[in-house]
Structure formats: C-alpha cells, structure tokens
Amino acid sequence: MKPPRTLPFLARDSYRLRRLMDAARFLPVFGFVLLLLPLMREDPETGTSSAASEWVYLFAVWLALILGTWLMSRGLRKAFDPPEKPPMDTGRKD
C-alpha cells in the first residue's frame, strides 16, 4: 500500500501574485480573440452582419479590457512598489 502523498506547500500571497501575473500576460491574447469574433459572425438570412451591433460589441470588449487591465495593475502595483523608507534618524536630540 502506498503512503498518502503530501501536497507541496505554496505561500498563498506569492501563489496569487504569480496567477495575477499569468492573467496579465494572457489578457492581450484573450482580448485579441474577443476582438476577432465579430469577423466570424454573419446573419444567416442576409449573409452579412449588423454593423451597429458589432460596434457596440467592440466598444464593450474595449472597455472591459481597459477595466481588467486597471484592476490587474492595481494588484500588481502593490507587489512591485518598493516599501516606503522610514524617516532617517539624525541622532540629534533637541
């Protein structure tokens, strides 16, 4: 009988940071695919697609990509900002 496998310990903060970095790398690819979707769609009756609905879709995807990027940048900024330095002590007593 095999002994039970132990799971490797992963620090929660570093794991979440790495997943957020992975998502930030994947966002441009995901956005590109979403922006190409209207090119593959057409109305079965006329053989063309509605220009108005395509523009609304493209604007909504564009806005969602901006919001997603902003949210991810806030999470990554906390991780990559240098810590604030405490004020320097001059050693003088007034």
PDB file of N, CA and C in Angstrom:
ATOM      1  N   MET A   1       0.835  -1.168   0.000  1.00  0.00           N
ATOM      2  CA  MET A   1       0.000   0.000   0.000  1.00  0.00           C
ATOM      3  C   MET A   1       0.892   1.249   0.000  1.00  0.00           C
ATOM      4  N   LYS A   2       0.547   2.237  -0.826  1.00  0.00           N
ATOM      5  CA  LYS A   2       1.336   3.457  -0.933  1.00  0.00           C
ATOM      6  C   LYS A   2       0.994   4.408   0.211  1.00  0.00           C
ATOM      7  N   PRO A   3       1.993   5.114   0.736  1.00  0.00           N
ATOM      8  CA  PRO A   3       1.699   6.125   1.756  1.00  0.00           C
ATOM      9  C   PRO A   3       1.004   7.319   1.098  1.00  0.00           C
ATOM     10  N   PRO A   4       0.172   8.047   1.840  1.00  0.00           N
ATOM     11  CA  PRO A   4      -0.528   9.201   1.250  1.00  0.00           C
ATOM     12  C   PRO A   4       0.470  10.271   0.802  1.00  0.00           C
ATOM     13  N   ARG A   5       0.185  10.842  -0.337  1.00  0.00           N
ATOM     14  CA  ARG A   5       1.042  11.903  -0.869  1.00  0.00           C
ATOM     15  C   ARG A   5       0.810  13.192  -0.117  1.00  0.00           C
ATOM     16  N   THR A   6       1.864  13.882   0.178  1.00  0.00           N
ATOM     17  CA  THR A   6       1.723  15.196   0.810  1.00  0.00           C
ATOM     18  C   THR A   6       1.742  16.253  -0.278  1.00  0.00           C
ATOM     19  N   LEU A   7       0.924  17.230  -0.106  1.00  0.00           N
ATOM     20  CA  LEU A   7       0.862  18.316  -1.070  1.00  0.00           C
ATOM     21  C   LEU A   7       1.978  19.307  -0.796  1.00  0.00           C
ATOM     22  N   PRO A   8       2.585  19.868  -1.835  1.00  0.00           N
ATOM     23  CA  PRO A   8       3.639  20.855  -1.601  1.00  0.00           C
ATOM     24  C   PRO A   8       3.036  22.131  -1.027  1.00  0.00           C
ATOM     25  N   PHE A   9       3.752  22.737  -0.116  1.00  0.00           N
ATOM     26  CA  PHE A   9       3.280  23.987   0.479  1.00  0.00           C
ATOM     27  C   PHE A   9       3.603  25.139  -0.451  1.00  0.00           C
ATOM     28  N   LEU A  10       2.616  25.935  -0.755  1.00  0.00           N
ATOM     29  CA  LEU A  10       2.806  27.138  -1.558  1.00  0.00           C
ATOM     30  C   LEU A  10       2.296  28.317  -0.743  1.00  0.00           C
ATOM     31  N   ALA A  11       3.114  29.317  -0.588  1.00  0.00           N
ATOM     32  CA  ALA A  11       2.680  30.513   0.128  1.00  0.00           C
ATOM     33  C   ALA A  11       1.533  31.156  -0.640  1.00  0.00           C
ATOM     34  N   ARG A  12       0.498  31.491   0.071  1.00  0.00           N
ATOM     35  CA  ARG A  12      -0.719  31.993  -0.567  1.00  0.00           C
ATOM     36  C   ARG A  12      -0.491  33.300  -1.319  1.00  0.00           C
ATOM     37  N   ASP A  13       0.253  34.229  -0.720  1.00  0.00           N
ATOM     38  CA  ASP A  13       0.460  35.526  -1.371  1.00  0.00           C
ATOM     39  C   ASP A  13       1.281  35.401  -2.653  1.00  0.00           C
ATOM     40  N   SER A  14       2.352  34.634  -2.608  1.00  0.00           N
ATOM     41  CA  SER A  14       3.169  34.506  -3.815  1.00  0.00           C
ATOM     42  C   SER A  14       2.427  33.711  -4.893  1.00  0.00           C
ATOM     43  N   TYR A  15       1.597  32.747  -4.489  1.00  0.00           N
ATOM     44  CA  TYR A  15       0.818  31.980  -5.458  1.00  0.00           C
ATOM     45  C   TYR A  15      -0.183  32.888  -6.169  1.00  0.00           C
ATOM     46  N   ARG A  16      -0.878  33.704  -5.402  1.00  0.00           N
ATOM     47  CA  ARG A  16      -1.854  34.626  -6.007  1.00  0.00           C
ATOM     48  C   ARG A  16      -1.174  35.652  -6.898  1.00  0.00           C
ATOM     49  N   LEU A  17      -0.008  36.125  -6.490  1.00  0.00           N
ATOM     50  CA  LEU A  17       0.733  37.085  -7.306  1.00  0.00           C
ATOM     51  C   LEU A  17       1.153  36.456  -8.635  1.00  0.00           C
ATOM     52  N   ARG A  18       1.627  35.223  -8.594  1.00  0.00           N
ATOM     53  CA  ARG A  18       2.018  34.552  -9.838  1.00  0.00           C
ATOM     54  C   ARG A  18       0.815  34.317 -10.747  1.00  0.00           C
ATOM     55  N   ARG A  19      -0.330  33.970 -10.191  1.00  0.00           N
ATOM     56  CA  ARG A  19      -1.528  33.777 -11.018  1.00  0.00           C
ATOM     57  C   ARG A  19      -1.986  35.100 -11.621  1.00  0.00           C
ATOM     58  N   LEU A  20      -1.866  36.196 -10.864  1.00  0.00           N
ATOM     59  CA  LEU A  20      -2.226  37.509 -11.386  1.00  0.00           C
ATOM     60  C   LEU A  20      -1.274  37.913 -12.507  1.00  0.00           C
ATOM     61  N   MET A  21      -0.001  37.603 -12.364  1.00  0.00           N
ATOM     62  CA  MET A  21       0.957  37.893 -13.430  1.00  0.00           C
ATOM     63  C   MET A  21       0.653  37.047 -14.672  1.00  0.00           C
ATOM     64  N   ASP A  22       0.260  35.794 -14.478  1.00  0.00           N
ATOM     65  CA  ASP A  22      -0.126  34.949 -15.611  1.00  0.00           C
ATOM     66  C   ASP A  22      -1.350  35.519 -16.324  1.00  0.00           C
ATOM     67  N   ALA A  23      -2.323  35.981 -15.545  1.00  0.00           N
ATOM     68  CA  ALA A  23      -3.532  36.565 -16.142  1.00  0.00           C
ATOM     69  C   ALA A  23      -3.193  37.836 -16.911  1.00  0.00           C
ATOM     70  N   ALA A  24      -2.271  38.639 -16.387  1.00  0.00           N
ATOM     71  CA  ALA A  24      -1.864  39.868 -17.081  1.00  0.00           C
ATOM     72  C   ALA A  24      -1.152  39.546 -18.394  1.00  0.00           C
ATOM     73  N   ARG A  25      -0.415  38.458 -18.435  1.00  0.00           N
ATOM     74  CA  ARG A  25       0.235  38.047 -19.688  1.00  0.00           C
ATOM     75  C   ARG A  25      -0.771  37.507 -20.704  1.00  0.00           C
ATOM     76  N   PHE A  26      -1.820  36.871 -20.214  1.00  0.00           N
ATOM     77  CA  PHE A  26      -2.804  36.252 -21.095  1.00  0.00           C
ATOM     78  C   PHE A  26      -3.841  37.253 -21.603  1.00  0.00           C
ATOM     79  N   LEU A  27      -4.037  38.366 -20.904  1.00  0.00           N
ATOM     80  CA  LEU A  27      -5.091  39.330 -21.262  1.00  0.00           C
ATOM     81  C   LEU A  27      -4.983  39.846 -22.701  1.00  0.00           C
ATOM     82  N   PRO A  28      -3.805  40.208 -23.234  1.00  0.00           N
ATOM     83  CA  PRO A  28      -3.766  40.660 -24.627  1.00  0.00           C
ATOM     84  C   PRO A  28      -4.202  39.582 -25.626  1.00  0.00           C
ATOM     85  N   VAL A  29      -3.840  38.339 -25.369  1.00  0.00           N
ATOM     86  CA  VAL A  29      -4.247  37.248 -26.270  1.00  0.00           C
ATOM     87  C   VAL A  29      -5.760  37.068 -26.206  1.00  0.00           C
ATOM     88  N   PHE A  30      -6.299  37.078 -24.990  1.00  0.00           N
ATOM     89  CA  PHE A  30      -7.748  36.946 -24.806  1.00  0.00           C
ATOM     90  C   PHE A  30      -8.485  38.106 -25.482  1.00  0.00           C
ATOM     91  N   GLY A  31      -7.967  39.319 -25.330  1.00  0.00           N
ATOM     92  CA  GLY A  31      -8.584  40.481 -25.967  1.00  0.00           C
ATOM     93  C   GLY A  31      -8.532  40.399 -27.484  1.00  0.00           C
ATOM     94  N   PHE A  32      -7.422  39.920 -28.023  1.00  0.00           N
ATOM     95  CA  PHE A  32      -7.297  39.776 -29.473  1.00  0.00           C
ATOM     96  C   PHE A  32      -8.341  38.800 -30.018  1.00  0.00           C
ATOM     97  N   VAL A  33      -8.518  37.688 -29.321  1.00  0.00           N
ATOM     98  CA  VAL A  33      -9.515  36.699 -29.754  1.00  0.00           C
ATOM     99  C   VAL A  33     -10.924  37.300 -29.680  1.00  0.00           C
ATOM    100  N   LEU A  34     -11.208  38.017 -28.592  1.00  0.00           N
ATOM    101  CA  LEU A  34     -12.534  38.635 -28.459  1.00  0.00           C
ATOM    102  C   LEU A  34     -12.779  39.686 -29.545  1.00  0.00           C
ATOM    103  N   LEU A  35     -11.748  40.415 -29.924  1.00  0.00           N
ATOM    104  CA  LEU A  35     -11.917  41.433 -30.965  1.00  0.00           C
ATOM    105  C   LEU A  35     -12.061  40.824 -32.355  1.00  0.00           C
ATOM    106  N   LEU A  36     -11.589  39.600 -32.544  1.00  0.00           N
ATOM    107  CA  LEU A  36     -11.735  38.942 -33.847  1.00  0.00           C
ATOM    108  C   LEU A  36     -13.077  38.217 -34.011  1.00  0.00           C
ATOM    109  N   LEU A  37     -13.779  37.980 -32.924  1.00  0.00           N
ATOM    110  CA  LEU A  37     -15.036  37.237 -33.007  1.00  0.00           C
ATOM    111  C   LEU A  37     -16.068  37.856 -33.956  1.00  0.00           C
ATOM    112  N   PRO A  38     -16.254  39.176 -34.014  1.00  0.00           N
ATOM    113  CA  PRO A  38     -17.254  39.715 -34.954  1.00  0.00           C
ATOM    114  C   PRO A  38     -16.943  39.401 -36.414  1.00  0.00           C
ATOM    115  N   LEU A  39     -15.688  39.164 -36.739  1.00  0.00           N
ATOM    116  CA  LEU A  39     -15.351  38.840 -38.129  1.00  0.00           C
ATOM    117  C   LEU A  39     -15.874  37.470 -38.542  1.00  0.00           C
ATOM    118  N   MET A  40     -16.104  36.604 -37.573  1.00  0.00           N
ATOM    119  CA  MET A  40     -16.566  35.245 -37.868  1.00  0.00           C
ATOM    120  C   MET A  40     -18.082  35.106 -37.830  1.00  0.00           C
ATOM    121  N   ARG A  41     -18.775  36.166 -37.481  1.00  0.00           N
ATOM    122  CA  ARG A  41     -20.220  36.091 -37.314  1.00  0.00           C
ATOM    123  C   ARG A  41     -20.934  36.729 -38.511  1.00  0.00           C
ATOM    124  N   GLU A  42     -21.971  36.086 -38.957  1.00  0.00           N
ATOM    125  CA  GLU A  42     -22.786  36.688 -40.016  1.00  0.00           C
ATOM    126  C   GLU A  42     -24.237  36.244 -39.848  1.00  0.00           C
ATOM    127  N   ASP A  43     -25.126  37.067 -40.355  1.00  0.00           N
ATOM    128  CA  ASP A  43     -26.554  36.786 -40.285  1.00  0.00           C
ATOM    129  C   ASP A  43     -26.901  35.736 -41.336  1.00  0.00           C
ATOM    130  N   PRO A  44     -27.577  34.639 -40.933  1.00  0.00           N
ATOM    131  CA  PRO A  44     -27.885  33.589 -41.919  1.00  0.00           C
ATOM    132  C   PRO A  44     -28.841  34.046 -43.022  1.00  0.00           C
ATOM    133  N   GLU A  45     -29.682  35.031 -42.747  1.00  0.00           N
ATOM    134  CA  GLU A  45     -30.654  35.478 -43.750  1.00  0.00           C
ATOM    135  C   GLU A  45     -29.998  36.326 -44.839  1.00  0.00           C
ATOM    136  N   THR A  46     -29.183  37.288 -44.438  1.00  0.00           N
ATOM    137  CA  THR A  46     -28.615  38.216 -45.418  1.00  0.00           C
ATOM    138  C   THR A  46     -27.180  37.884 -45.795  1.00  0.00           C
ATOM    139  N   GLY A  47     -26.479  37.120 -44.968  1.00  0.00           N
ATOM    140  CA  GLY A  47     -25.090  36.797 -45.260  1.00  0.00           C
ATOM    141  C   GLY A  47     -24.121  37.853 -44.771  1.00  0.00           C
ATOM    142  N   THR A  48     -24.646  38.898 -44.140  1.00  0.00           N
ATOM    143  CA  THR A  48     -23.783  39.940 -43.575  1.00  0.00           C
ATOM    144  C   THR A  48     -24.105  40.080 -42.091  1.00  0.00           C
ATOM    145  N   SER A  49     -23.340  40.879 -41.430  1.00  0.00           N
ATOM    146  CA  SER A  49     -23.599  41.105 -40.009  1.00  0.00           C
ATOM    147  C   SER A  49     -24.013  42.551 -39.786  1.00  0.00           C
ATOM    148  N   SER A  50     -24.634  42.791 -38.644  1.00  0.00           N
ATOM    149  CA  SER A  50     -25.120  44.123 -38.313  1.00  0.00           C
ATOM    150  C   SER A  50     -23.946  44.983 -37.836  1.00  0.00           C
ATOM    151  N   ALA A  51     -23.735  46.101 -38.517  1.00  0.00           N
ATOM    152  CA  ALA A  51     -22.614  46.970 -38.166  1.00  0.00           C
ATOM    153  C   ALA A  51     -22.822  47.617 -36.799  1.00  0.00           C
ATOM    154  N   ALA A  52     -24.063  47.975 -36.486  1.00  0.00           N
ATOM    155  CA  ALA A  52     -24.335  48.632 -35.206  1.00  0.00           C
ATOM    156  C   ALA A  52     -24.041  47.697 -34.032  1.00  0.00           C
ATOM    157  N   SER A  53     -24.469  46.457 -34.129  1.00  0.00           N
ATOM    158  CA  SER A  53     -24.214  45.526 -33.026  1.00  0.00           C
ATOM    159  C   SER A  53     -22.730  45.197 -32.912  1.00  0.00           C
ATOM    160  N   GLU A  54     -22.014  45.176 -34.032  1.00  0.00           N
ATOM    161  CA  GLU A  54     -20.567  44.939 -33.980  1.00  0.00           C
ATOM    162  C   GLU A  54     -19.851  46.080 -33.274  1.00  0.00           C
ATOM    163  N   TRP A  55     -20.254  47.312 -33.542  1.00  0.00           N
ATOM    164  CA  TRP A  55     -19.614  48.452 -32.891  1.00  0.00           C
ATOM    165  C   TRP A  55     -19.893  48.464 -31.391  1.00  0.00           C
ATOM    166  N   VAL A  56     -21.101  48.130 -31.015  1.00  0.00           N
ATOM    167  CA  VAL A  56     -21.426  48.058 -29.582  1.00  0.00           C
ATOM    168  C   VAL A  56     -20.598  46.959 -28.928  1.00  0.00           C
ATOM    169  N   TYR A  57     -20.477  45.824 -29.574  1.00  0.00           N
ATOM    170  CA  TYR A  57     -19.683  44.714 -29.043  1.00  0.00           C
ATOM    171  C   TYR A  57     -18.216  45.115 -28.910  1.00  0.00           C
ATOM    172  N   LEU A  58     -17.656  45.722 -29.957  1.00  0.00           N
ATOM    173  CA  LEU A  58     -16.247  46.124 -29.921  1.00  0.00           C
ATOM    174  C   LEU A  58     -15.986  47.149 -28.822  1.00  0.00           C
ATOM    175  N   PHE A  59     -16.900  48.105 -28.639  1.00  0.00           N
ATOM    176  CA  PHE A  59     -16.739  49.089 -27.587  1.00  0.00           C
ATOM    177  C   PHE A  59     -16.832  48.432 -26.212  1.00  0.00           C
ATOM    178  N   ALA A  60     -17.744  47.482 -26.033  1.00  0.00           N
ATOM    179  CA  ALA A  60     -17.876  46.791 -24.748  1.00  0.00           C
ATOM    180  C   ALA A  60     -16.627  45.962 -24.438  1.00  0.00           C
ATOM    181  N   VAL A  61     -16.072  45.281 -25.432  1.00  0.00           N
ATOM    182  CA  VAL A  61     -14.843  44.499 -25.221  1.00  0.00           C
ATOM    183  C   VAL A  61     -13.683  45.434 -24.904  1.00  0.00           C
ATOM    184  N   TRP A  62     -13.579  46.526 -25.618  1.00  0.00           N
ATOM    185  CA  TRP A  62     -12.529  47.509 -25.382  1.00  0.00           C
ATOM    186  C   TRP A  62     -12.602  48.045 -23.954  1.00  0.00           C
ATOM    187  N   LEU A  63     -13.799  48.396 -23.509  1.00  0.00           N
ATOM    188  CA  LEU A  63     -13.996  48.907 -22.154  1.00  0.00           C
ATOM    189  C   LEU A  63     -13.675  47.838 -21.106  1.00  0.00           C
ATOM    190  N   ALA A  64     -14.083  46.604 -21.355  1.00  0.00           N
ATOM    191  CA  ALA A  64     -13.805  45.519 -20.417  1.00  0.00           C
ATOM    192  C   ALA A  64     -12.306  45.249 -20.321  1.00  0.00           C
ATOM    193  N   LEU A  65     -11.595  45.337 -21.438  1.00  0.00           N
ATOM    194  CA  LEU A  65     -10.142  45.144 -21.417  1.00  0.00           C
ATOM    195  C   LEU A  65      -9.444  46.255 -20.627  1.00  0.00           C
ATOM    196  N   ILE A  66      -9.924  47.476 -20.779  1.00  0.00           N
ATOM    197  CA  ILE A  66      -9.349  48.584 -20.022  1.00  0.00           C
ATOM    198  C   ILE A  66      -9.593  48.384 -18.528  1.00  0.00           C
ATOM    199  N   LEU A  67     -10.807  48.032 -18.156  1.00  0.00           N
ATOM    200  CA  LEU A  67     -11.119  47.801 -16.740  1.00  0.00           C
ATOM    201  C   LEU A  67     -10.326  46.633 -16.172  1.00  0.00           C
ATOM    202  N   GLY A  68     -10.217  45.556 -16.920  1.00  0.00           N
ATOM    203  CA  GLY A  68      -9.451  44.405 -16.462  1.00  0.00           C
ATOM    204  C   GLY A  68      -7.982  44.737 -16.278  1.00  0.00           C
ATOM    205  N   THR A  69      -7.424  45.497 -17.202  1.00  0.00           N
ATOM    206  CA  THR A  69      -6.035  45.909 -17.092  1.00  0.00           C
ATOM    207  C   THR A  69      -5.828  46.809 -15.887  1.00  0.00           C
ATOM    208  N   TRP A  70      -6.756  47.720 -15.643  1.00  0.00           N
ATOM    209  CA  TRP A  70      -6.655  48.620 -14.499  1.00  0.00           C
ATOM    210  C   TRP A  70      -6.704  47.842 -13.187  1.00  0.00           C
ATOM    211  N   LEU A  71      -7.616  46.885 -13.093  1.00  0.00           N
ATOM    212  CA  LEU A  71      -7.711  46.093 -11.870  1.00  0.00           C
ATOM    213  C   LEU A  71      -6.463  45.250 -11.644  1.00  0.00           C
ATOM    214  N   MET A  72      -5.956  44.643 -12.697  1.00  0.00           N
ATOM    215  CA  MET A  72      -4.743  43.843 -12.564  1.00  0.00           C
ATOM    216  C   MET A  72      -3.542  44.712 -12.208  1.00  0.00           C
ATOM    217  N   SER A  73      -3.458  45.898 -12.772  1.00  0.00           N
ATOM    218  CA  SER A  73      -2.325  46.770 -12.474  1.00  0.00           C
ATOM    219  C   SER A  73      -2.352  47.221 -11.021  1.00  0.00           C
ATOM    220  N   ARG A  74      -3.542  47.405 -10.453  1.00  0.00           N
ATOM    221  CA  ARG A  74      -3.621  47.768  -9.032  1.00  0.00           C
ATOM    222  C   ARG A  74      -3.091  46.639  -8.156  1.00  0.00           C
ATOM    223  N   GLY A  75      -3.435  45.405  -8.488  1.00  0.00           N
ATOM    224  CA  GLY A  75      -2.942  44.274  -7.719  1.00  0.00           C
ATOM    225  C   GLY A  75      -1.456  44.065  -7.872  1.00  0.00           C
ATOM    226  N   LEU A  76      -0.946  44.272  -9.073  1.00  0.00           N
ATOM    227  CA  LEU A  76       0.490  44.098  -9.304  1.00  0.00           C
ATOM    228  C   LEU A  76       1.306  45.255  -8.742  1.00  0.00           C
ATOM    229  N   ARG A  77       0.723  46.450  -8.711  1.00  0.00           N
ATOM    230  CA  ARG A  77       1.441  47.610  -8.189  1.00  0.00           C
ATOM    231  C   ARG A  77       1.761  47.418  -6.704  1.00  0.00           C
ATOM    232  N   LYS A  78       0.832  46.839  -5.962  1.00  0.00           N
ATOM    233  CA  LYS A  78       1.072  46.599  -4.540  1.00  0.00           C
ATOM    234  C   LYS A  78       2.254  45.664  -4.336  1.00  0.00           C
ATOM    235  N   ALA A  79       2.436  44.735  -5.229  1.00  0.00           N
ATOM    236  CA  ALA A  79       3.505  43.752  -5.081  1.00  0.00           C
ATOM    237  C   ALA A  79       4.856  44.303  -5.521  1.00  0.00           C
ATOM    238  N   PHE A  80       4.883  45.185  -6.507  1.00  0.00           N
ATOM    239  CA  PHE A  80       6.149  45.622  -7.065  1.00  0.00           C
ATOM    240  C   PHE A  80       6.595  47.003  -6.621  1.00  0.00           C
ATOM    241  N   ASP A  81       5.776  47.736  -5.875  1.00  0.00           N
ATOM    242  CA  ASP A  81       6.219  49.020  -5.349  1.00  0.00           C
ATOM    243  C   ASP A  81       7.244  48.784  -4.252  1.00  0.00           C
ATOM    244  N   PRO A  82       8.305  49.584  -4.238  1.00  0.00           N
ATOM    245  CA  PRO A  82       9.272  49.414  -3.148  1.00  0.00           C
ATOM    246  C   PRO A  82       8.643  49.857  -1.831  1.00  0.00           C
ATOM    247  N   PRO A  83       9.029  49.237  -0.736  1.00  0.00           N
ATOM    248  CA  PRO A  83       8.458  49.636   0.546  1.00  0.00           C
ATOM    249  C   PRO A  83       8.886  51.060   0.896  1.00  0.00           C
ATOM    250  N   GLU A  84       8.029  51.751   1.610  1.00  0.00           N
ATOM    251  CA  GLU A  84       8.345  53.119   1.993  1.00  0.00           C
ATOM    252  C   GLU A  84       9.460  53.105   3.022  1.00  0.00           C
ATOM    253  N   LYS A  85      10.382  54.049   2.869  1.00  0.00           N
ATOM    254  CA  LYS A  85      11.500  54.136   3.792  1.00  0.00           C
ATOM    255  C   LYS A  85      11.078  54.947   5.015  1.00  0.00           C
ATOM    256  N   PRO A  86      11.460  54.489   6.199  1.00  0.00           N
ATOM    257  CA  PRO A  86      11.143  55.294   7.382  1.00  0.00           C
ATOM    258  C   PRO A  86      12.012  56.549   7.387  1.00  0.00           C
ATOM    259  N   PRO A  87      11.563  57.607   8.056  1.00  0.00           N
ATOM    260  CA  PRO A  87      12.381  58.823   8.086  1.00  0.00           C
ATOM    261  C   PRO A  87      13.720  58.541   8.751  1.00  0.00           C
ATOM    262  N   MET A  88      14.750  59.169   8.228  1.00  0.00           N
ATOM    263  CA  MET A  88      16.104  58.936   8.749  1.00  0.00           C
ATOM    264  C   MET A  88      16.270  59.604  10.102  1.00  0.00           C
ATOM    265  N   ASP A  89      16.899  58.887  11.007  1.00  0.00           N
ATOM    266  CA  ASP A  89      17.178  59.424  12.331  1.00  0.00           C
ATOM    267  C   ASP A  89      18.568  60.035  12.294  1.00  0.00           C
ATOM    268  N   THR A  90      18.664  61.321  12.611  1.00  0.00           N
ATOM    269  CA  THR A  90      19.950  62.018  12.561  1.00  0.00           C
ATOM    270  C   THR A  90      20.750  61.800  13.831  1.00  0.00           C
ATOM    271  N   GLY A  91      20.146  61.293  14.867  1.00  0.00           N
ATOM    272  CA  GLY A  91      20.861  61.022  16.114  1.00  0.00           C
ATOM    273  C   GLY A  91      20.942  62.236  17.025  1.00  0.00           C
ATOM    274  N   ARG A  92      20.428  63.364  16.581  1.00  0.00           N
ATOM    275  CA  ARG A  92      20.453  64.577  17.425  1.00  0.00           C
ATOM    276  C   ARG A  92      19.258  64.585  18.350  1.00  0.00           C
ATOM    277  N   LYS A  93      19.483  65.089  19.529  1.00  0.00           N
ATOM    278  CA  LYS A  93      18.391  65.281  20.487  1.00  0.00           C
ATOM    279  C   LYS A  93      18.229  66.765  20.724  1.00  0.00           C
ATOM    280  N   ASP A  94      17.072  67.273  20.415  1.00  0.00           N
ATOM    281  CA  ASP A  94      16.813  68.714  20.580  1.00  0.00           C
ATOM    282  C   ASP A  94      16.119  69.002  21.870  1.00  0.00           C
TER     283      ASP A  94
END
